[in-house]
């Protein structure tokens, strides 16, 4: 496992990866207002070909766009992040697909989940994104996206705080197969 944009403060032990997410961190490319960031902390390993990355996490979201979840990243211009994001005062299930330009989709998180599980399943040229809440299996499909086949990609966990003061995210599962 390796870091891209290793945070100043993090710990791993007793089955939990804790990340103190720093302010002004994000993953986004161009769309909407020319905003480009590639400085969010990402923790995982590079995998070639088909794979599945599953992360379970909770976080102390406090500010607009605070986010945590799973990442599948070829480089700064080709990636998928999926997880939860604090938007307009509510927790959302969020997916961003970037191939030079980012797109974003959200749906309200059901209830007030204590934890969320995100599953990214890469098969051939596609990634299926699923989620589950409060210990439930990630069976709810929210996205099917193109992803370049056969190219090595970092698979793992990510978090970001684009506009807030930062926050703590806790990952109790980071599984890559």
N, C-alpha and C. Protein backbone atom coordinates (compact mmCIF):
# COMPACT_ATOMS: atom_id res chain seq x y z
N UNK A 1 0.86 -1.18 0.00
CA UNK A 1 0.00 0.00 0.00
C UNK A 1 0.90 1.24 0.00
N UNK A 2 0.45 2.27 -0.67
CA UNK A 2 1.24 3.49 -0.79
C UNK A 2 0.31 4.71 -0.76
N UNK A 3 0.90 5.84 -0.45
CA UNK A 3 0.17 7.12 -0.45
C UNK A 3 0.45 7.88 -1.74
N UNK A 4 -0.56 8.56 -2.22
CA UNK A 4 -0.40 9.67 -3.15
C UNK A 4 -0.92 10.86 -2.36
N UNK A 5 -0.14 11.91 -2.26
CA UNK A 5 -0.49 13.09 -1.44
C UNK A 5 -0.69 12.70 0.03
N UNK A 6 0.33 12.08 0.60
CA UNK A 6 0.25 11.64 1.99
C UNK A 6 -0.10 12.81 2.90
N UNK A 7 -1.11 12.64 3.76
CA UNK A 7 -1.48 13.72 4.69
C UNK A 7 -0.41 13.89 5.78
N UNK A 8 -0.38 15.06 6.37
CA UNK A 8 0.58 15.33 7.45
C UNK A 8 0.31 14.44 8.66
N UNK A 9 -0.96 14.11 8.89
CA UNK A 9 -1.32 13.33 10.07
C UNK A 9 -2.26 12.19 9.69
N UNK A 10 -1.83 10.97 9.98
CA UNK A 10 -2.65 9.79 9.77
C UNK A 10 -2.12 8.67 10.66
N UNK A 11 -2.95 7.65 10.88
CA UNK A 11 -2.52 6.50 11.67
C UNK A 11 -3.23 5.26 11.17
N UNK A 12 -2.60 4.12 11.40
CA UNK A 12 -3.20 2.84 11.05
C UNK A 12 -2.96 1.89 12.20
N UNK A 13 -4.01 1.24 12.64
CA UNK A 13 -3.89 0.27 13.72
C UNK A 13 -5.23 -0.25 14.14
N UNK A 14 -5.25 -1.46 14.67
CA UNK A 14 -6.47 -2.10 15.15
C UNK A 14 -7.57 -2.09 14.09
N UNK A 15 -7.18 -2.31 12.82
CA UNK A 15 -8.15 -2.42 11.75
C UNK A 15 -8.73 -1.11 11.24
N UNK A 16 -8.15 0.03 11.62
CA UNK A 16 -8.68 1.32 11.18
C UNK A 16 -7.56 2.21 10.64
N UNK A 17 -7.81 2.78 9.48
CA UNK A 17 -6.95 3.81 8.91
C UNK A 17 -7.63 5.14 9.21
N UNK A 18 -6.97 5.99 9.99
CA UNK A 18 -7.53 7.30 10.34
C UNK A 18 -6.75 8.37 9.61
N UNK A 19 -7.47 9.22 8.89
CA UNK A 19 -6.84 10.28 8.09
C UNK A 19 -7.35 11.63 8.58
N UNK A 20 -6.43 12.50 8.93
CA UNK A 20 -6.78 13.88 9.25
C UNK A 20 -6.67 14.67 7.95
N UNK A 21 -7.81 14.92 7.35
CA UNK A 21 -7.88 15.52 6.02
C UNK A 21 -7.60 17.02 6.13
N UNK A 22 -6.65 17.47 5.35
CA UNK A 22 -6.25 18.87 5.38
C UNK A 22 -7.15 19.73 4.49
N UNK A 23 -7.23 21.00 4.80
CA UNK A 23 -8.01 21.95 4.03
C UNK A 23 -7.44 22.15 2.63
N UNK A 24 -8.30 22.58 1.73
CA UNK A 24 -7.94 22.89 0.35
C UNK A 24 -7.35 21.68 -0.39
N UNK A 25 -7.94 20.50 -0.12
CA UNK A 25 -7.58 19.28 -0.84
C UNK A 25 -8.78 18.82 -1.64
N UNK A 26 -8.53 18.32 -2.86
CA UNK A 26 -9.63 17.86 -3.70
C UNK A 26 -9.08 17.08 -4.89
N UNK A 27 -10.00 16.41 -5.58
CA UNK A 27 -9.75 15.79 -6.88
C UNK A 27 -10.84 16.31 -7.80
N UNK A 28 -10.45 17.04 -8.82
CA UNK A 28 -11.41 17.60 -9.78
C UNK A 28 -10.63 18.13 -10.97
N UNK A 29 -11.22 18.05 -12.17
CA UNK A 29 -10.57 18.56 -13.38
C UNK A 29 -11.54 19.35 -14.25
N UNK A 30 -11.32 20.64 -14.33
CA UNK A 30 -11.83 21.57 -15.33
C UNK A 30 -13.31 21.92 -15.32
N UNK A 31 -14.19 20.94 -15.37
CA UNK A 31 -15.60 21.18 -15.63
C UNK A 31 -16.21 22.23 -14.72
N UNK A 32 -17.06 23.03 -15.26
CA UNK A 32 -17.90 24.01 -14.57
C UNK A 32 -17.24 25.37 -14.45
N UNK A 33 -16.04 25.45 -13.92
CA UNK A 33 -15.44 26.78 -13.74
C UNK A 33 -13.92 26.75 -13.83
N UNK A 34 -13.36 25.76 -14.52
CA UNK A 34 -11.92 25.70 -14.71
C UNK A 34 -11.13 25.27 -13.50
N UNK A 35 -11.81 24.84 -12.46
CA UNK A 35 -11.20 24.41 -11.19
C UNK A 35 -10.47 23.09 -11.42
N UNK A 36 -9.19 23.02 -11.04
CA UNK A 36 -8.42 21.77 -11.16
C UNK A 36 -7.61 21.54 -9.89
N UNK A 37 -7.84 20.39 -9.26
CA UNK A 37 -7.09 19.99 -8.08
C UNK A 37 -6.77 18.51 -8.17
N UNK A 38 -5.58 18.14 -7.73
CA UNK A 38 -5.16 16.74 -7.67
C UNK A 38 -4.30 16.54 -6.43
N UNK A 39 -4.77 17.04 -5.29
CA UNK A 39 -3.95 16.99 -4.08
C UNK A 39 -4.63 16.29 -2.89
N UNK A 40 -5.72 15.58 -3.12
CA UNK A 40 -6.38 14.84 -2.04
C UNK A 40 -5.53 13.64 -1.65
N UNK A 41 -5.52 13.27 -0.37
CA UNK A 41 -4.80 12.06 0.02
C UNK A 41 -5.50 10.81 -0.49
N UNK A 42 -4.70 9.92 -1.07
CA UNK A 42 -5.19 8.64 -1.60
C UNK A 42 -4.26 7.54 -1.10
N UNK A 43 -4.84 6.45 -0.61
CA UNK A 43 -4.05 5.35 -0.04
C UNK A 43 -4.51 4.05 -0.68
N UNK A 44 -3.59 3.33 -1.30
CA UNK A 44 -3.97 2.07 -1.94
C UNK A 44 -2.78 1.39 -2.57
N UNK A 45 -3.09 0.54 -3.54
CA UNK A 45 -2.03 -0.13 -4.29
C UNK A 45 -2.41 -0.18 -5.76
N UNK A 46 -1.39 -0.25 -6.60
CA UNK A 46 -1.60 -0.28 -8.04
C UNK A 46 -1.94 -1.70 -8.46
N UNK A 47 -3.02 -1.81 -9.25
CA UNK A 47 -3.51 -3.10 -9.73
C UNK A 47 -3.70 -2.98 -11.24
N UNK A 48 -3.33 -4.04 -11.95
CA UNK A 48 -3.53 -4.08 -13.39
C UNK A 48 -4.73 -4.96 -13.69
N UNK A 49 -5.56 -4.56 -14.64
CA UNK A 49 -6.68 -5.39 -15.05
C UNK A 49 -7.88 -5.32 -14.13
N UNK A 50 -8.69 -6.37 -14.19
CA UNK A 50 -9.93 -6.43 -13.41
C UNK A 50 -9.62 -6.41 -11.92
N UNK A 51 -10.51 -5.77 -11.14
CA UNK A 51 -10.29 -5.67 -9.70
C UNK A 51 -11.58 -5.28 -9.02
N UNK A 52 -11.54 -5.38 -7.70
CA UNK A 52 -12.62 -4.87 -6.86
C UNK A 52 -11.97 -4.18 -5.68
N UNK A 53 -12.38 -2.93 -5.42
CA UNK A 53 -11.95 -2.22 -4.23
C UNK A 53 -13.20 -1.89 -3.42
N UNK A 54 -13.17 -2.27 -2.13
CA UNK A 54 -14.30 -2.03 -1.24
C UNK A 54 -13.78 -1.31 0.00
N UNK A 55 -14.39 -0.19 0.31
CA UNK A 55 -14.00 0.57 1.50
C UNK A 55 -15.24 0.83 2.36
N UNK A 56 -15.05 0.72 3.67
CA UNK A 56 -16.09 1.08 4.63
C UNK A 56 -15.51 2.18 5.51
N UNK A 57 -16.30 3.22 5.76
CA UNK A 57 -15.75 4.39 6.43
C UNK A 57 -16.85 5.21 7.09
N UNK A 58 -16.40 6.10 7.99
CA UNK A 58 -17.25 7.15 8.54
C UNK A 58 -16.35 8.36 8.70
N UNK A 59 -16.94 9.52 8.91
CA UNK A 59 -16.13 10.75 8.98
C UNK A 59 -16.88 11.82 9.76
N UNK A 60 -16.12 12.80 10.20
CA UNK A 60 -16.68 13.95 10.93
C UNK A 60 -16.87 15.12 9.96
N UNK A 61 -17.78 14.93 9.00
CA UNK A 61 -18.03 15.98 8.01
C UNK A 61 -18.53 17.24 8.69
N UNK A 62 -18.03 18.38 8.24
CA UNK A 62 -18.41 19.63 8.89
C UNK A 62 -18.70 20.74 7.89
N UNK A 63 -18.05 20.72 6.76
CA UNK A 63 -18.12 21.84 5.82
C UNK A 63 -18.53 21.37 4.43
N UNK A 64 -19.01 22.30 3.64
CA UNK A 64 -19.40 22.03 2.26
C UNK A 64 -18.30 21.26 1.53
N UNK A 65 -18.68 20.17 0.87
CA UNK A 65 -17.84 19.32 0.02
C UNK A 65 -16.86 18.42 0.77
N UNK A 66 -16.87 18.38 2.12
CA UNK A 66 -16.06 17.38 2.82
C UNK A 66 -16.47 16.02 2.27
N UNK A 67 -15.49 15.15 2.00
CA UNK A 67 -15.78 13.90 1.31
C UNK A 67 -14.80 12.80 1.69
N UNK A 68 -15.26 11.56 1.58
CA UNK A 68 -14.42 10.38 1.80
C UNK A 68 -15.00 9.24 0.98
N UNK A 69 -14.14 8.27 0.65
CA UNK A 69 -14.63 7.12 -0.10
C UNK A 69 -13.53 6.33 -0.76
N UNK A 70 -13.86 5.76 -1.92
CA UNK A 70 -12.95 4.89 -2.68
C UNK A 70 -12.43 5.63 -3.90
N UNK A 71 -11.24 5.21 -4.35
CA UNK A 71 -10.62 5.81 -5.54
C UNK A 71 -10.09 4.71 -6.45
N UNK A 72 -10.21 4.94 -7.73
CA UNK A 72 -9.57 4.14 -8.77
C UNK A 72 -8.92 5.15 -9.70
N UNK A 73 -7.58 5.20 -9.73
CA UNK A 73 -6.87 6.31 -10.37
C UNK A 73 -5.73 5.83 -11.26
N UNK A 74 -5.82 6.18 -12.54
CA UNK A 74 -4.72 5.94 -13.47
C UNK A 74 -3.70 7.06 -13.35
N UNK A 75 -4.19 8.29 -13.44
CA UNK A 75 -3.35 9.48 -13.31
C UNK A 75 -4.26 10.66 -12.97
N UNK A 76 -3.71 11.89 -12.95
CA UNK A 76 -4.51 13.05 -12.54
C UNK A 76 -5.66 13.38 -13.48
N UNK A 77 -5.67 12.82 -14.68
CA UNK A 77 -6.72 13.11 -15.65
C UNK A 77 -7.68 11.95 -15.90
N UNK A 78 -7.45 10.80 -15.25
CA UNK A 78 -8.27 9.60 -15.46
C UNK A 78 -8.48 8.88 -14.15
N UNK A 79 -9.68 9.04 -13.56
CA UNK A 79 -9.97 8.42 -12.28
C UNK A 79 -11.46 8.41 -12.00
N UNK A 80 -11.82 7.60 -11.01
CA UNK A 80 -13.19 7.57 -10.48
C UNK A 80 -13.07 7.63 -8.95
N UNK A 81 -13.80 8.55 -8.34
CA UNK A 81 -13.92 8.57 -6.88
C UNK A 81 -15.40 8.42 -6.54
N UNK A 82 -15.67 7.67 -5.48
CA UNK A 82 -17.06 7.45 -5.06
C UNK A 82 -17.08 7.34 -3.55
N UNK A 83 -18.08 7.94 -2.95
CA UNK A 83 -18.19 7.88 -1.50
C UNK A 83 -19.33 8.73 -1.00
N UNK A 84 -19.06 9.45 0.07
CA UNK A 84 -20.04 10.38 0.60
C UNK A 84 -19.44 11.78 0.57
N UNK A 85 -20.33 12.74 0.45
CA UNK A 85 -19.91 14.13 0.39
C UNK A 85 -20.97 14.98 1.08
N UNK A 86 -20.51 15.93 1.87
CA UNK A 86 -21.39 16.83 2.60
C UNK A 86 -21.71 18.01 1.68
N UNK A 87 -22.96 18.08 1.20
CA UNK A 87 -23.36 19.10 0.22
C UNK A 87 -24.64 19.78 0.69
N UNK A 88 -24.59 21.09 0.78
CA UNK A 88 -25.76 21.90 1.17
C UNK A 88 -26.39 21.41 2.47
N UNK A 89 -25.53 21.07 3.43
CA UNK A 89 -26.00 20.70 4.76
C UNK A 89 -26.46 19.27 4.93
N UNK A 90 -26.27 18.42 3.91
CA UNK A 90 -26.73 17.04 4.00
C UNK A 90 -25.69 16.09 3.40
N UNK A 91 -25.68 14.87 3.90
CA UNK A 91 -24.78 13.85 3.39
C UNK A 91 -25.34 13.27 2.11
N UNK A 92 -24.50 13.21 1.09
CA UNK A 92 -24.87 12.69 -0.22
C UNK A 92 -23.98 11.50 -0.57
N UNK A 93 -24.51 10.55 -1.32
CA UNK A 93 -23.69 9.53 -1.96
C UNK A 93 -23.22 10.19 -3.25
N UNK A 94 -21.92 10.14 -3.51
CA UNK A 94 -21.32 10.94 -4.57
C UNK A 94 -20.41 10.11 -5.46
N UNK A 95 -20.47 10.34 -6.76
CA UNK A 95 -19.56 9.70 -7.71
C UNK A 95 -19.05 10.77 -8.67
N UNK A 96 -17.73 10.80 -8.86
CA UNK A 96 -17.11 11.68 -9.86
C UNK A 96 -16.29 10.79 -10.80
N UNK A 97 -16.55 10.92 -12.09
CA UNK A 97 -15.78 10.23 -13.11
C UNK A 97 -15.02 11.28 -13.90
N UNK A 98 -13.72 11.07 -14.04
CA UNK A 98 -12.88 12.04 -14.74
C UNK A 98 -12.10 11.35 -15.86
N UNK A 99 -12.29 11.86 -17.06
CA UNK A 99 -11.50 11.51 -18.23
C UNK A 99 -11.20 12.84 -18.90
N UNK A 100 -10.15 13.50 -18.42
CA UNK A 100 -9.77 14.87 -18.78
C UNK A 100 -10.66 15.90 -18.09
N UNK A 101 -11.98 15.69 -18.11
CA UNK A 101 -12.94 16.59 -17.47
C UNK A 101 -13.76 15.79 -16.46
N UNK A 102 -14.06 16.39 -15.32
CA UNK A 102 -14.82 15.70 -14.28
C UNK A 102 -16.32 15.89 -14.48
N UNK A 103 -17.07 14.83 -14.16
CA UNK A 103 -18.52 14.96 -14.02
C UNK A 103 -18.88 14.49 -12.62
N UNK A 104 -20.03 14.89 -12.13
CA UNK A 104 -20.39 14.63 -10.74
C UNK A 104 -21.85 14.28 -10.65
N UNK A 105 -22.14 13.23 -9.90
CA UNK A 105 -23.53 12.88 -9.62
C UNK A 105 -23.67 12.58 -8.14
N UNK A 106 -24.82 12.97 -7.58
CA UNK A 106 -25.09 12.75 -6.16
C UNK A 106 -26.53 12.28 -5.98
N UNK A 107 -26.75 11.59 -4.86
CA UNK A 107 -28.10 11.27 -4.43
C UNK A 107 -28.09 11.29 -2.92
N UNK A 108 -29.19 11.66 -2.29
CA UNK A 108 -29.21 11.77 -0.83
C UNK A 108 -28.87 10.44 -0.16
N UNK A 109 -28.00 10.49 0.84
CA UNK A 109 -27.70 9.29 1.62
C UNK A 109 -28.97 8.91 2.38
N UNK A 110 -29.32 7.62 2.38
CA UNK A 110 -30.54 7.21 3.08
C UNK A 110 -30.40 7.35 4.59
N UNK A 111 -31.35 8.04 5.22
CA UNK A 111 -31.32 8.23 6.67
C UNK A 111 -30.10 9.03 7.08
N UNK A 112 -29.55 8.69 8.21
CA UNK A 112 -28.30 9.29 8.71
C UNK A 112 -27.34 8.15 8.99
N UNK A 113 -26.70 7.61 7.95
CA UNK A 113 -25.89 6.41 8.16
C UNK A 113 -24.69 6.67 9.07
N UNK A 114 -24.39 5.67 9.90
CA UNK A 114 -23.21 5.77 10.77
C UNK A 114 -21.95 5.39 10.01
N UNK A 115 -22.09 4.59 8.96
CA UNK A 115 -20.97 4.24 8.09
C UNK A 115 -21.51 3.94 6.69
N UNK A 116 -20.62 4.02 5.72
CA UNK A 116 -20.97 3.74 4.33
C UNK A 116 -19.92 2.80 3.76
N UNK A 117 -20.36 1.88 2.92
CA UNK A 117 -19.46 0.99 2.20
C UNK A 117 -19.61 1.28 0.71
N UNK A 118 -18.48 1.48 0.05
CA UNK A 118 -18.45 1.73 -1.39
C UNK A 118 -17.69 0.60 -2.05
N UNK A 119 -18.22 0.11 -3.18
CA UNK A 119 -17.58 -0.96 -3.93
C UNK A 119 -17.39 -0.50 -5.38
N UNK A 120 -16.15 -0.51 -5.85
CA UNK A 120 -15.84 -0.22 -7.25
C UNK A 120 -15.38 -1.53 -7.87
N UNK A 121 -16.11 -2.02 -8.87
CA UNK A 121 -15.77 -3.29 -9.52
C UNK A 121 -15.39 -3.01 -10.97
N UNK A 122 -14.11 -3.19 -11.27
CA UNK A 122 -13.59 -2.95 -12.62
C UNK A 122 -13.54 -4.28 -13.38
N UNK A 123 -14.28 -4.32 -14.49
CA UNK A 123 -14.27 -5.48 -15.38
C UNK A 123 -14.13 -4.97 -16.81
N UNK A 124 -13.03 -5.36 -17.46
CA UNK A 124 -12.80 -4.92 -18.83
C UNK A 124 -12.72 -3.41 -18.89
N UNK A 125 -13.63 -2.81 -19.65
CA UNK A 125 -13.62 -1.35 -19.86
C UNK A 125 -14.66 -0.61 -19.03
N UNK A 126 -15.17 -1.26 -17.97
CA UNK A 126 -16.23 -0.63 -17.18
C UNK A 126 -15.98 -0.78 -15.69
N UNK A 127 -16.49 0.20 -14.93
CA UNK A 127 -16.48 0.15 -13.47
C UNK A 127 -17.92 0.29 -12.99
N UNK A 128 -18.36 -0.66 -12.18
CA UNK A 128 -19.67 -0.59 -11.56
C UNK A 128 -19.48 -0.07 -10.14
N UNK A 129 -20.26 0.95 -9.77
CA UNK A 129 -20.17 1.56 -8.45
C UNK A 129 -21.42 1.19 -7.67
N UNK A 130 -21.20 0.63 -6.47
CA UNK A 130 -22.31 0.26 -5.58
C UNK A 130 -22.04 0.80 -4.19
N UNK A 131 -23.12 0.94 -3.39
CA UNK A 131 -22.95 1.39 -2.01
C UNK A 131 -23.89 0.62 -1.08
N UNK A 132 -23.54 0.63 0.20
CA UNK A 132 -24.37 0.09 1.27
C UNK A 132 -24.17 0.99 2.48
N UNK A 133 -25.11 0.96 3.42
CA UNK A 133 -25.00 1.82 4.61
C UNK A 133 -25.12 0.98 5.88
N UNK A 134 -24.53 1.51 6.95
CA UNK A 134 -24.65 0.92 8.30
C UNK A 134 -24.34 -0.57 8.33
N UNK A 135 -23.25 -0.97 7.69
CA UNK A 135 -22.84 -2.36 7.71
C UNK A 135 -23.48 -3.22 6.65
N UNK A 136 -24.40 -2.65 5.87
CA UNK A 136 -25.05 -3.41 4.81
C UNK A 136 -24.11 -3.62 3.63
N UNK A 137 -24.32 -4.71 2.92
CA UNK A 137 -23.51 -4.99 1.73
C UNK A 137 -23.74 -3.91 0.68
N UNK A 138 -22.72 -3.62 -0.12
CA UNK A 138 -22.86 -2.60 -1.17
C UNK A 138 -23.61 -3.16 -2.38
N UNK A 139 -24.93 -3.21 -2.28
CA UNK A 139 -25.75 -3.80 -3.34
C UNK A 139 -26.48 -2.76 -4.18
N UNK A 140 -26.50 -1.51 -3.73
CA UNK A 140 -27.23 -0.47 -4.45
C UNK A 140 -26.34 0.11 -5.55
N UNK A 141 -26.66 -0.19 -6.81
CA UNK A 141 -25.87 0.31 -7.92
C UNK A 141 -26.21 1.78 -8.18
N UNK A 142 -25.16 2.60 -8.30
CA UNK A 142 -25.40 4.02 -8.57
C UNK A 142 -24.72 4.51 -9.84
N UNK A 143 -23.83 3.71 -10.41
CA UNK A 143 -23.14 4.19 -11.60
C UNK A 143 -22.47 3.04 -12.33
N UNK A 144 -22.47 3.10 -13.64
CA UNK A 144 -21.68 2.25 -14.52
C UNK A 144 -20.93 3.21 -15.41
N UNK A 145 -19.59 3.16 -15.38
CA UNK A 145 -18.80 4.15 -16.11
C UNK A 145 -17.69 3.48 -16.92
N UNK A 146 -17.38 4.07 -18.05
CA UNK A 146 -16.23 3.62 -18.83
C UNK A 146 -14.96 3.90 -18.05
N UNK A 147 -13.99 2.97 -18.14
CA UNK A 147 -12.67 3.16 -17.55
C UNK A 147 -11.69 2.42 -18.44
N UNK A 148 -10.60 3.07 -18.86
CA UNK A 148 -9.69 2.43 -19.81
C UNK A 148 -9.23 1.04 -19.34
N UNK A 149 -9.41 0.02 -20.17
CA UNK A 149 -9.07 -1.34 -19.76
C UNK A 149 -7.56 -1.60 -19.80
N UNK A 150 -7.12 -2.54 -18.96
CA UNK A 150 -5.76 -3.02 -19.01
C UNK A 150 -4.69 -2.04 -18.57
N UNK A 151 -5.07 -0.88 -18.05
CA UNK A 151 -4.11 0.12 -17.61
C UNK A 151 -3.98 0.03 -16.10
N UNK A 152 -2.75 -0.07 -15.57
CA UNK A 152 -2.61 -0.12 -14.11
C UNK A 152 -3.24 1.11 -13.45
N UNK A 153 -3.89 0.87 -12.30
CA UNK A 153 -4.56 1.97 -11.59
C UNK A 153 -4.40 1.77 -10.09
N UNK A 154 -4.26 2.88 -9.37
CA UNK A 154 -4.26 2.85 -7.92
C UNK A 154 -5.69 2.59 -7.45
N UNK A 155 -5.86 1.59 -6.60
CA UNK A 155 -7.17 1.28 -6.03
C UNK A 155 -7.06 1.42 -4.52
N UNK A 156 -8.00 2.16 -3.91
CA UNK A 156 -7.94 2.31 -2.47
C UNK A 156 -8.91 3.33 -1.92
N UNK A 157 -8.45 4.07 -0.91
CA UNK A 157 -9.29 5.04 -0.18
C UNK A 157 -8.83 6.46 -0.47
N UNK A 158 -9.76 7.41 -0.36
CA UNK A 158 -9.45 8.82 -0.54
C UNK A 158 -10.32 9.67 0.37
N UNK A 159 -9.89 10.91 0.59
CA UNK A 159 -10.69 11.88 1.34
C UNK A 159 -10.23 13.27 0.93
N UNK A 160 -11.12 14.26 1.07
CA UNK A 160 -10.77 15.63 0.68
C UNK A 160 -11.63 16.64 1.42
N UNK A 161 -11.08 17.85 1.58
CA UNK A 161 -11.78 18.97 2.22
C UNK A 161 -11.52 20.22 1.38
N UNK A 162 -12.25 20.38 0.26
CA UNK A 162 -11.96 21.48 -0.66
C UNK A 162 -12.07 22.88 -0.08
N UNK A 163 -13.09 23.13 0.76
CA UNK A 163 -13.31 24.50 1.23
C UNK A 163 -13.31 24.64 2.75
N UNK A 164 -13.43 23.54 3.46
CA UNK A 164 -13.53 23.60 4.91
C UNK A 164 -12.18 23.65 5.61
N UNK A 165 -12.23 23.48 6.91
CA UNK A 165 -11.03 23.53 7.75
C UNK A 165 -10.34 22.19 7.85
N UNK A 166 -10.90 21.17 7.23
CA UNK A 166 -10.40 19.81 7.36
C UNK A 166 -11.26 19.03 8.34
N UNK A 167 -11.07 17.71 8.37
CA UNK A 167 -11.87 16.84 9.23
C UNK A 167 -11.17 15.49 9.35
N UNK A 168 -11.73 14.61 10.17
CA UNK A 168 -11.18 13.27 10.35
C UNK A 168 -12.05 12.25 9.64
N UNK A 169 -11.42 11.35 8.88
CA UNK A 169 -12.10 10.23 8.23
C UNK A 169 -11.49 8.94 8.76
N UNK A 170 -12.35 7.93 8.99
CA UNK A 170 -11.91 6.65 9.52
C UNK A 170 -12.35 5.53 8.59
N UNK A 171 -11.39 4.77 8.09
CA UNK A 171 -11.65 3.66 7.19
C UNK A 171 -11.46 2.36 7.97
N UNK A 172 -12.54 1.59 8.13
CA UNK A 172 -12.45 0.33 8.85
C UNK A 172 -12.26 -0.85 7.91
N UNK A 173 -12.40 -0.60 6.61
CA UNK A 173 -12.13 -1.63 5.62
C UNK A 173 -11.57 -0.97 4.36
N UNK A 174 -10.45 -1.49 3.88
CA UNK A 174 -9.91 -1.14 2.57
C UNK A 174 -9.48 -2.48 1.97
N UNK A 175 -10.34 -3.05 1.12
CA UNK A 175 -10.10 -4.36 0.56
C UNK A 175 -9.90 -4.23 -0.95
N UNK A 176 -8.83 -4.82 -1.46
CA UNK A 176 -8.53 -4.76 -2.89
C UNK A 176 -8.28 -6.18 -3.38
N UNK A 177 -9.08 -6.61 -4.34
CA UNK A 177 -8.89 -7.96 -4.88
C UNK A 177 -9.05 -7.95 -6.39
